[in-house]
Protein backbone atom coordinates (compact mmCIF):
# COMPACT_ATOMS: atom_id res chain seq x y z
CA MET A 1 -0.01 14.76 28.31
CA LEU A 2 1.56 17.13 30.62
CA ALA A 3 5.01 16.06 29.34
CA ILE A 4 3.57 17.15 25.71
CA GLU A 5 2.10 20.17 26.60
CA ALA A 6 5.18 21.41 28.12
CA GLY A 7 7.25 20.38 25.06
CA LEU A 8 9.10 17.11 25.95
CA SER A 9 9.42 14.21 23.44
CA ILE A 10 8.49 11.30 24.42
CA GLU A 11 11.70 9.22 24.63
CA GLN A 12 12.45 13.00 27.59
CA PHE A 13 9.70 12.22 29.02
CA TRP A 14 10.84 8.21 29.92
CA GLY A 15 14.72 9.14 30.42
CA LEU A 16 13.36 11.41 33.40
CA THR A 17 12.76 9.94 37.25
CA TRP A 18 10.07 10.24 39.15
CA ARG A 19 11.60 13.67 40.75
CA GLU A 20 12.91 15.18 37.90
CA PHE A 21 9.94 14.93 36.60
CA LEU A 22 7.94 16.50 39.41
CA LEU A 23 10.38 19.87 39.48
CA TYR A 24 9.20 20.29 35.44
CA ARG A 25 5.70 20.35 36.26
CA LYS A 26 6.24 22.81 39.14
CA GLY A 27 8.23 24.89 36.19
CA TYR A 28 5.33 24.01 33.83
CA GLU A 29 2.52 25.13 36.21
CA ALA A 30 4.00 28.13 37.43
CA LYS A 31 5.03 29.47 33.54
CA GLN A 32 1.07 29.07 32.88
CA LEU A 33 0.92 31.03 36.38
CA ALA A 34 2.44 33.78 34.89
CA GLU A 35 1.31 33.36 31.81
CA TRP A 36 -2.12 33.93 32.94
CA GLN A 37 -1.38 36.78 35.98
CA ARG A 38 -0.34 38.71 32.89
CA THR A 39 -3.02 38.54 30.90
CA ARG A 40 -4.99 39.50 33.48
CA LEU A 41 -2.98 42.59 34.06
CA ILE A 42 -3.25 43.50 30.53
CA ALA A 43 -6.44 42.35 30.92
CA TYR A 44 -7.92 44.80 34.07
CA ILE A 45 -5.69 47.56 32.66
CA MET A 46 -7.64 48.31 29.13
CA TYR A 47 -10.58 47.81 32.08
CA CYS A 48 -9.59 50.24 33.87
CA THR A 49 -8.45 52.98 31.31
CA ASN A 50 -12.62 52.16 30.13
CA THR A 51 -13.79 52.54 33.32
CA GLU A 52 -14.56 55.31 36.14
CA SER A 53 -12.60 54.87 38.52
CA GLY A 54 -15.33 55.07 41.28
CA LYS A 55 -16.86 51.59 39.35
CA ARG A 56 -13.95 49.75 39.57
CA LYS A 57 -14.20 46.35 40.37
CA ASP A 58 -10.57 44.64 41.71
CA ILE A 59 -8.70 42.90 40.00
CA GLN A 60 -9.04 39.31 41.89
CA ASP A 61 -12.76 40.38 41.46
CA PHE A 62 -12.39 41.23 37.99
CA MET A 63 -10.99 38.05 36.52
CA PRO A 64 -10.00 35.58 39.22
CA LEU A 65 -6.98 33.07 39.54
CA THR A 66 -7.35 29.70 41.25
CA THR A 67 -3.89 30.35 42.88
CA ASP A 68 -5.94 33.79 44.37
CA GLU A 69 -6.75 33.70 48.47
CA LEU A 70 -10.93 33.70 48.98
CA PRO A 71 -12.00 35.30 50.33
CA ASP A 72 -13.44 34.76 53.85
CA ARG A 73 -16.76 33.33 53.88
CA GLY A 74 -17.38 33.45 57.61
CA GLU A 75 -19.01 30.12 60.26
CA PRO A 76 -20.29 27.43 58.17
CA LEU A 77 -23.60 26.59 58.32
CA THR A 78 -25.16 24.64 61.00
CA GLN A 79 -27.75 21.35 59.87
CA GLU A 80 -31.08 23.54 61.27
CA GLN A 81 -30.14 26.49 59.02
CA PHE A 82 -29.20 24.51 56.52
CA ILE A 83 -32.59 22.42 56.84
CA GLU A 84 -34.04 26.39 57.29
CA ASN A 85 -33.17 27.59 54.39
CA MET A 86 -33.82 24.78 52.27
CA LYS A 87 -37.03 24.71 53.51
CA LYS A 88 -37.23 28.68 52.23
CA LEU A 89 -35.38 27.77 48.84
CA SER A 90 -38.36 25.47 48.67
CA GLN A 91 -41.50 27.91 49.87
CA ALA A 92 -39.90 30.21 46.96
CA ILE A 93 -40.18 27.78 44.26
């Protein structure tokens, strides 16, 4: 499926070695990421022109991409904290 999306014919696909295909896929994915980053930038510029400067979101918050670095969420919950939170949630419902 990726081979067809990337513009390879069936003959070209079957003529590639596995390594060549992986390199082709890596290049295709890099191109797709660049297109999404470009799309995000254009949309963000439009957003910024119509939003007051004090109320603007960060570009990663405006349109997150899968390659963006995730914010630090702190330490994971312990088992006891998780159980306590679930009890509170069930009481709230």
